Amino acid sequence: MFDSIGWGEIVVLALAALFIFGPDRLPTLAKDAASGLKKAREAVTGVRGQLHETLGDDFDHLRDIDLRQYHPKTFIRSQLMGDDDAPARTGSTAAGATAAGATAATARATAGQMTGSRDTSTPPPFDVDAT
């Protein structure tokens, strides 16, 4: 929590508080701050307990949800760049379906040669200014 604050800064803040509030009021302010933090912690624990009682087993499931997947940019990217299922073929003959499959394979191969193959493990290029 206090990774960027060192012991030197904490000592300076404590001395500043001592000079600002004085030695008479500082202990009472520290007790008030500690009791306020304790009440806030109890309130959060109480709300968490009420949610657990209300939701039951669903509460544990909600903890495992990754909220980053619902970010608008991530959601749109997954919808646009995600793998689509192959469309259903409506051809009446097997020869027609084979010919359509060969034509689609040729088109994909030509497009792959024109644009170059892309590694599917890396995300596609993304222009921040375009969105």
N, C-alpha and C. Protein backbone atom coordinates (compact mmCIF):
# COMPACT_ATOMS: atom_id res chain seq x y z
N MET A 1 0.82 -1.18 0.00
CA MET A 1 0.00 0.00 0.00
C MET A 1 0.87 1.25 0.00
N PHE A 2 1.90 1.28 0.81
CA PHE A 2 2.77 2.44 0.88
C PHE A 2 4.12 2.11 0.26
N ASP A 3 4.10 1.63 -0.97
CA ASP A 3 5.34 1.26 -1.63
C ASP A 3 6.17 2.49 -1.99
N SER A 4 5.52 3.60 -2.29
CA SER A 4 6.26 4.77 -2.72
C SER A 4 6.64 5.68 -1.56
N ILE A 5 6.14 5.40 -0.36
CA ILE A 5 6.47 6.22 0.81
C ILE A 5 7.46 5.46 1.68
N GLY A 6 8.59 6.07 1.95
CA GLY A 6 9.61 5.44 2.78
C GLY A 6 9.48 5.88 4.23
N TRP A 7 10.36 5.30 5.06
CA TRP A 7 10.32 5.63 6.48
C TRP A 7 10.66 7.10 6.73
N GLY A 8 11.52 7.66 5.92
CA GLY A 8 11.88 9.07 6.08
C GLY A 8 10.68 9.98 5.89
N GLU A 9 9.87 9.69 4.85
CA GLU A 9 8.68 10.50 4.61
C GLU A 9 7.66 10.35 5.74
N ILE A 10 7.53 9.14 6.28
CA ILE A 10 6.59 8.91 7.39
C ILE A 10 7.02 9.70 8.62
N VAL A 11 8.33 9.75 8.90
CA VAL A 11 8.83 10.51 10.05
C VAL A 11 8.57 12.00 9.84
N VAL A 12 8.79 12.49 8.62
CA VAL A 12 8.55 13.90 8.33
C VAL A 12 7.07 14.23 8.51
N LEU A 13 6.17 13.35 8.03
CA LEU A 13 4.73 13.58 8.20
C LEU A 13 4.34 13.56 9.68
N ALA A 14 4.92 12.66 10.46
CA ALA A 14 4.62 12.59 11.89
C ALA A 14 5.09 13.86 12.60
N LEU A 15 6.28 14.34 12.26
CA LEU A 15 6.76 15.59 12.87
C LEU A 15 5.90 16.78 12.46
N ALA A 16 5.49 16.82 11.20
CA ALA A 16 4.62 17.90 10.75
C ALA A 16 3.29 17.87 11.50
N ALA A 17 2.72 16.68 11.69
CA ALA A 17 1.47 16.56 12.44
C ALA A 17 1.67 16.98 13.89
N LEU A 18 2.81 16.65 14.46
CA LEU A 18 3.11 17.05 15.83
C LEU A 18 3.18 18.57 15.97
N PHE A 19 3.80 19.23 14.99
CA PHE A 19 3.90 20.70 15.04
C PHE A 19 2.56 21.37 14.74
N ILE A 20 1.77 20.79 13.83
CA ILE A 20 0.50 21.41 13.46
C ILE A 20 -0.54 21.26 14.58
N PHE A 21 -0.71 20.05 15.08
CA PHE A 21 -1.77 19.79 16.05
C PHE A 21 -1.30 19.92 17.50
N GLY A 22 -0.03 19.83 17.74
CA GLY A 22 0.50 19.96 19.09
C GLY A 22 0.48 18.64 19.83
N PRO A 23 1.27 18.54 20.88
CA PRO A 23 1.37 17.28 21.62
C PRO A 23 0.11 16.96 22.44
N ASP A 24 -0.73 17.97 22.70
CA ASP A 24 -1.94 17.71 23.49
C ASP A 24 -3.05 17.06 22.65
N ARG A 25 -3.27 17.54 21.42
CA ARG A 25 -4.36 17.04 20.59
C ARG A 25 -3.97 15.85 19.72
N LEU A 26 -2.70 15.63 19.47
CA LEU A 26 -2.26 14.56 18.56
C LEU A 26 -2.67 13.17 19.01
N PRO A 27 -2.54 12.80 20.29
CA PRO A 27 -2.99 11.45 20.69
C PRO A 27 -4.49 11.23 20.50
N THR A 28 -5.30 12.26 20.78
CA THR A 28 -6.75 12.09 20.59
C THR A 28 -7.09 12.00 19.11
N LEU A 29 -6.41 12.74 18.26
CA LEU A 29 -6.64 12.64 16.82
C LEU A 29 -6.24 11.26 16.30
N ALA A 30 -5.14 10.71 16.80
CA ALA A 30 -4.71 9.37 16.38
C ALA A 30 -5.73 8.33 16.81
N LYS A 31 -6.29 8.46 18.03
CA LYS A 31 -7.32 7.52 18.49
C LYS A 31 -8.58 7.64 17.65
N ASP A 32 -8.96 8.87 17.33
CA ASP A 32 -10.15 9.07 16.49
C ASP A 32 -9.95 8.48 15.10
N ALA A 33 -8.77 8.67 14.53
CA ALA A 33 -8.49 8.13 13.20
C ALA A 33 -8.50 6.60 13.23
N ALA A 34 -7.93 6.02 14.28
CA ALA A 34 -7.92 4.55 14.40
C ALA A 34 -9.33 4.00 14.57
N SER A 35 -10.16 4.67 15.38
CA SER A 35 -11.53 4.18 15.56
C SER A 35 -12.34 4.37 14.29
N GLY A 36 -12.09 5.43 13.53
CA GLY A 36 -12.78 5.63 12.25
C GLY A 36 -12.42 4.54 11.25
N LEU A 37 -11.14 4.19 11.18
CA LEU A 37 -10.71 3.11 10.29
C LEU A 37 -11.32 1.77 10.71
N LYS A 38 -11.41 1.56 12.03
CA LYS A 38 -11.99 0.32 12.52
C LYS A 38 -13.47 0.23 12.16
N LYS A 39 -14.20 1.34 12.30
CA LYS A 39 -15.62 1.36 11.93
C LYS A 39 -15.81 1.14 10.43
N ALA A 40 -14.97 1.74 9.62
CA ALA A 40 -15.07 1.56 8.17
C ALA A 40 -14.79 0.11 7.79
N ARG A 41 -13.79 -0.49 8.43
CA ARG A 41 -13.46 -1.89 8.15
C ARG A 41 -14.61 -2.82 8.56
N GLU A 42 -15.25 -2.53 9.71
CA GLU A 42 -16.39 -3.33 10.16
C GLU A 42 -17.58 -3.17 9.20
N ALA A 43 -17.79 -1.95 8.69
CA ALA A 43 -18.88 -1.72 7.75
C ALA A 43 -18.67 -2.50 6.46
N VAL A 44 -17.45 -2.49 5.95
CA VAL A 44 -17.16 -3.25 4.72
C VAL A 44 -17.33 -4.74 4.95
N THR A 45 -16.89 -5.22 6.11
CA THR A 45 -17.06 -6.64 6.44
C THR A 45 -18.54 -6.99 6.55
N GLY A 46 -19.33 -6.08 7.14
CA GLY A 46 -20.77 -6.32 7.26
C GLY A 46 -21.46 -6.36 5.91
N VAL A 47 -21.11 -5.46 5.02
CA VAL A 47 -21.70 -5.45 3.67
C VAL A 47 -21.31 -6.72 2.92
N ARG A 48 -20.06 -7.13 3.05
CA ARG A 48 -19.61 -8.35 2.39
C ARG A 48 -20.36 -9.57 2.93
N GLY A 49 -20.59 -9.61 4.25
CA GLY A 49 -21.35 -10.71 4.85
C GLY A 49 -22.79 -10.72 4.38
N GLN A 50 -23.42 -9.55 4.28
CA GLN A 50 -24.80 -9.48 3.79
C GLN A 50 -24.89 -9.93 2.34
N LEU A 51 -23.92 -9.53 1.51
CA LEU A 51 -23.91 -9.98 0.12
C LEU A 51 -23.75 -11.50 0.05
N HIS A 52 -22.89 -12.04 0.89
CA HIS A 52 -22.67 -13.49 0.88
C HIS A 52 -23.94 -14.23 1.31
N GLU A 53 -24.66 -13.69 2.30
CA GLU A 53 -25.91 -14.31 2.74
C GLU A 53 -26.98 -14.21 1.66
N THR A 54 -27.06 -13.07 0.99
CA THR A 54 -28.10 -12.85 -0.01
C THR A 54 -27.84 -13.66 -1.27
N LEU A 55 -26.60 -13.63 -1.75
CA LEU A 55 -26.29 -14.30 -3.02
C LEU A 55 -25.91 -15.76 -2.85
N GLY A 56 -25.46 -16.16 -1.70
CA GLY A 56 -25.10 -17.55 -1.47
C GLY A 56 -23.90 -17.98 -2.30
N ASP A 57 -24.06 -19.07 -3.04
CA ASP A 57 -22.97 -19.61 -3.84
C ASP A 57 -22.62 -18.72 -5.03
N ASP A 58 -23.55 -17.88 -5.47
CA ASP A 58 -23.26 -17.00 -6.60
C ASP A 58 -22.23 -15.94 -6.24
N PHE A 59 -22.12 -15.61 -4.94
CA PHE A 59 -21.14 -14.61 -4.51
C PHE A 59 -19.72 -15.11 -4.79
N ASP A 60 -19.45 -16.37 -4.54
CA ASP A 60 -18.12 -16.92 -4.82
C ASP A 60 -17.84 -16.90 -6.31
N HIS A 61 -18.88 -17.13 -7.12
CA HIS A 61 -18.71 -17.09 -8.57
C HIS A 61 -18.38 -15.67 -9.04
N LEU A 62 -18.95 -14.66 -8.39
CA LEU A 62 -18.71 -13.27 -8.78
C LEU A 62 -17.27 -12.84 -8.49
N ARG A 63 -16.64 -13.44 -7.51
CA ARG A 63 -15.24 -13.09 -7.22
C ARG A 63 -14.31 -13.49 -8.35
N ASP A 64 -14.65 -14.55 -9.07
CA ASP A 64 -13.77 -15.06 -10.11
C ASP A 64 -13.94 -14.35 -11.45
N ILE A 65 -14.89 -13.43 -11.55
CA ILE A 65 -15.14 -12.75 -12.82
C ILE A 65 -14.02 -11.76 -13.09
N ASP A 66 -13.52 -11.79 -14.31
CA ASP A 66 -12.50 -10.85 -14.75
C ASP A 66 -13.20 -9.67 -15.41
N LEU A 67 -13.26 -8.54 -14.74
CA LEU A 67 -14.00 -7.39 -15.25
C LEU A 67 -13.33 -6.74 -16.45
N ARG A 68 -12.06 -7.04 -16.68
CA ARG A 68 -11.37 -6.46 -17.83
C ARG A 68 -11.95 -6.94 -19.15
N GLN A 69 -12.57 -8.12 -19.15
CA GLN A 69 -13.13 -8.63 -20.40
C GLN A 69 -14.38 -7.86 -20.80
N TYR A 70 -14.97 -7.08 -19.88
CA TYR A 70 -16.16 -6.31 -20.19
C TYR A 70 -15.86 -4.85 -20.51
N HIS A 71 -14.58 -4.49 -20.59
CA HIS A 71 -14.21 -3.15 -21.00
C HIS A 71 -14.64 -2.99 -22.46
N PRO A 72 -15.21 -1.85 -22.83
CA PRO A 72 -15.74 -1.69 -24.19
C PRO A 72 -14.72 -1.98 -25.29
N LYS A 73 -13.49 -1.52 -25.14
CA LYS A 73 -12.49 -1.77 -26.19
C LYS A 73 -12.19 -3.26 -26.31
N THR A 74 -12.05 -3.93 -25.18
CA THR A 74 -11.76 -5.36 -25.20
C THR A 74 -12.92 -6.14 -25.78
N PHE A 75 -14.14 -5.77 -25.41
CA PHE A 75 -15.32 -6.46 -25.91
C PHE A 75 -15.45 -6.31 -27.42
N ILE A 76 -15.29 -5.09 -27.91
CA ILE A 76 -15.41 -4.85 -29.36
C ILE A 76 -14.28 -5.56 -30.11
N ARG A 77 -13.07 -5.51 -29.55
CA ARG A 77 -11.95 -6.19 -30.20
C ARG A 77 -12.19 -7.69 -30.30
N SER A 78 -12.74 -8.29 -29.23
CA SER A 78 -12.99 -9.72 -29.27
C SER A 78 -14.11 -10.06 -30.25
N GLN A 79 -15.08 -9.16 -30.38
CA GLN A 79 -16.17 -9.41 -31.32
C GLN A 79 -15.72 -9.24 -32.77
N LEU A 80 -14.87 -8.26 -33.02
CA LEU A 80 -14.43 -8.01 -34.39
C LEU A 80 -13.31 -8.94 -34.83
N MET A 81 -12.40 -9.24 -33.95
CA MET A 81 -11.23 -10.03 -34.33
C MET A 81 -11.31 -11.49 -33.91
N GLY A 82 -12.38 -11.86 -33.21
CA GLY A 82 -12.52 -13.24 -32.76
C GLY A 82 -12.76 -14.20 -33.91
N ASP A 83 -12.48 -15.47 -33.69
CA ASP A 83 -12.71 -16.48 -34.71
C ASP A 83 -14.20 -16.72 -34.84
N ASP A 84 -14.69 -16.60 -36.06
CA ASP A 84 -16.10 -16.85 -36.33
C ASP A 84 -16.29 -18.31 -36.68
N ASP A 85 -17.48 -18.82 -36.39
CA ASP A 85 -17.80 -20.18 -36.81
C ASP A 85 -17.99 -20.20 -38.32
N ALA A 86 -17.69 -21.32 -38.91
CA ALA A 86 -17.86 -21.45 -40.36
C ALA A 86 -19.34 -21.36 -40.70
N PRO A 87 -19.70 -20.60 -41.73
CA PRO A 87 -21.11 -20.49 -42.09
C PRO A 87 -21.64 -21.82 -42.59
N ALA A 88 -22.91 -22.05 -42.34
CA ALA A 88 -23.54 -23.29 -42.79
C ALA A 88 -23.68 -23.26 -44.30
N ARG A 89 -23.39 -24.38 -44.95
CA ARG A 89 -23.49 -24.46 -46.41
C ARG A 89 -24.91 -24.85 -46.79
N THR A 90 -25.43 -24.14 -47.75
CA THR A 90 -26.80 -24.43 -48.18
C THR A 90 -26.83 -25.03 -49.58
N GLY A 91 -25.68 -25.45 -50.10
CA GLY A 91 -25.63 -26.04 -51.43
C GLY A 91 -26.42 -27.34 -51.50
N SER A 92 -27.01 -27.61 -52.67
CA SER A 92 -27.85 -28.79 -52.79
C SER A 92 -27.06 -30.02 -53.21
N THR A 93 -25.89 -29.84 -53.78
CA THR A 93 -25.12 -30.99 -54.23
C THR A 93 -23.76 -30.99 -53.55
N ALA A 94 -23.20 -32.16 -53.43
CA ALA A 94 -21.87 -32.28 -52.83
C ALA A 94 -20.82 -31.63 -53.70
N ALA A 95 -20.98 -31.71 -55.02
CA ALA A 95 -20.01 -31.10 -55.93
C ALA A 95 -20.02 -29.59 -55.79
N GLY A 96 -21.21 -29.01 -55.64
CA GLY A 96 -21.31 -27.56 -55.47
C GLY A 96 -20.66 -27.13 -54.16
N ALA A 97 -20.85 -27.92 -53.11
CA ALA A 97 -20.25 -27.59 -51.82
C ALA A 97 -18.73 -27.71 -51.90
N THR A 98 -18.25 -28.73 -52.61
CA THR A 98 -16.81 -28.90 -52.76
C THR A 98 -16.21 -27.75 -53.56
N ALA A 99 -16.89 -27.34 -54.62
CA ALA A 99 -16.41 -26.23 -55.44
C ALA A 99 -16.41 -24.94 -54.63
N ALA A 100 -17.45 -24.72 -53.84
CA ALA A 100 -17.51 -23.50 -53.03
C ALA A 100 -16.40 -23.51 -51.98
N GLY A 101 -16.13 -24.69 -51.40
CA GLY A 101 -15.06 -24.79 -50.41
C GLY A 101 -13.71 -24.54 -51.05
N ALA A 102 -13.50 -25.05 -52.26
CA ALA A 102 -12.23 -24.83 -52.95
C ALA A 102 -12.05 -23.36 -53.30
N THR A 103 -13.13 -22.71 -53.72
CA THR A 103 -13.06 -21.29 -54.06
C THR A 103 -12.74 -20.46 -52.82
N ALA A 104 -13.38 -20.79 -51.70
CA ALA A 104 -13.12 -20.05 -50.46
C ALA A 104 -11.69 -20.27 -50.00
N ALA A 105 -11.19 -21.51 -50.14
CA ALA A 105 -9.81 -21.79 -49.73
C ALA A 105 -8.82 -21.03 -50.60
N THR A 106 -9.10 -20.94 -51.91
CA THR A 106 -8.23 -20.19 -52.81
C THR A 106 -8.25 -18.71 -52.46
N ALA A 107 -9.42 -18.18 -52.12
CA ALA A 107 -9.52 -16.76 -51.77
C ALA A 107 -8.76 -16.48 -50.47
N ARG A 108 -8.86 -17.39 -49.51
CA ARG A 108 -8.13 -17.19 -48.25
C ARG A 108 -6.63 -17.26 -48.49
N ALA A 109 -6.19 -18.18 -49.31
CA ALA A 109 -4.76 -18.32 -49.59
C ALA A 109 -4.24 -17.08 -50.30
N THR A 110 -5.01 -16.54 -51.26
CA THR A 110 -4.60 -15.34 -51.97
C THR A 110 -4.55 -14.15 -51.03
N ALA A 111 -5.56 -14.02 -50.18
CA ALA A 111 -5.57 -12.92 -49.22
C ALA A 111 -4.42 -13.05 -48.23
N GLY A 112 -4.09 -14.28 -47.83
CA GLY A 112 -2.99 -14.50 -46.92
C GLY A 112 -1.66 -14.12 -47.54
N GLN A 113 -1.51 -14.37 -48.84
CA GLN A 113 -0.27 -14.01 -49.51
C GLN A 113 -0.17 -12.50 -49.67
N MET A 114 -1.29 -11.85 -49.89
CA MET A 114 -1.26 -10.40 -50.10
C MET A 114 -0.96 -9.67 -48.79
N THR A 115 -1.58 -10.08 -47.71
CA THR A 115 -1.41 -9.36 -46.45
C THR A 115 -0.32 -9.94 -45.58
N GLY A 116 0.16 -11.13 -45.89
CA GLY A 116 1.16 -11.78 -45.06
C GLY A 116 0.47 -12.54 -43.94
N SER A 117 1.08 -13.58 -43.48
CA SER A 117 0.46 -14.35 -42.42
C SER A 117 0.69 -13.64 -41.08
N ARG A 118 -0.29 -13.76 -40.21
CA ARG A 118 -0.23 -13.10 -38.91
C ARG A 118 -0.25 -14.17 -37.84
N ASP A 119 0.59 -14.01 -36.84
CA ASP A 119 0.63 -14.92 -35.72
C ASP A 119 -0.63 -14.70 -34.89
N THR A 120 -1.41 -15.75 -34.67
CA THR A 120 -2.68 -15.60 -33.96
C THR A 120 -2.50 -15.42 -32.47
N SER A 121 -1.31 -15.68 -31.93
CA SER A 121 -1.10 -15.51 -30.50
C SER A 121 -0.88 -14.05 -30.12
N THR A 122 -0.49 -13.21 -31.08
CA THR A 122 -0.31 -11.79 -30.79
C THR A 122 -1.56 -11.04 -31.26
N PRO A 123 -1.94 -9.99 -30.54
CA PRO A 123 -3.12 -9.25 -30.94
C PRO A 123 -2.86 -8.47 -32.22
N PRO A 124 -3.89 -8.16 -32.96
CA PRO A 124 -3.70 -7.40 -34.19
C PRO A 124 -3.29 -5.98 -33.87
N PRO A 125 -2.72 -5.27 -34.84
CA PRO A 125 -2.32 -3.88 -34.60
C PRO A 125 -3.55 -3.06 -34.22
N PHE A 126 -3.36 -2.10 -33.34
CA PHE A 126 -4.47 -1.33 -32.83
C PHE A 126 -4.11 0.15 -32.86
N ASP A 127 -4.93 0.95 -33.49
CA ASP A 127 -4.70 2.39 -33.60
C ASP A 127 -5.57 3.08 -32.57
N VAL A 128 -4.97 3.70 -31.57
CA VAL A 128 -5.70 4.35 -30.48
C VAL A 128 -6.49 5.55 -31.01
N ASP A 129 -5.91 6.27 -31.97
CA ASP A 129 -6.57 7.46 -32.49
C ASP A 129 -7.76 7.14 -33.39
N ALA A 130 -7.86 5.91 -33.88
CA ALA A 130 -8.94 5.54 -34.78
C ALA A 130 -10.23 5.27 -34.05
N THR A 131 -10.17 5.03 -32.74
CA THR A 131 -11.40 4.71 -32.00
C THR A 131 -11.87 5.87 -31.18
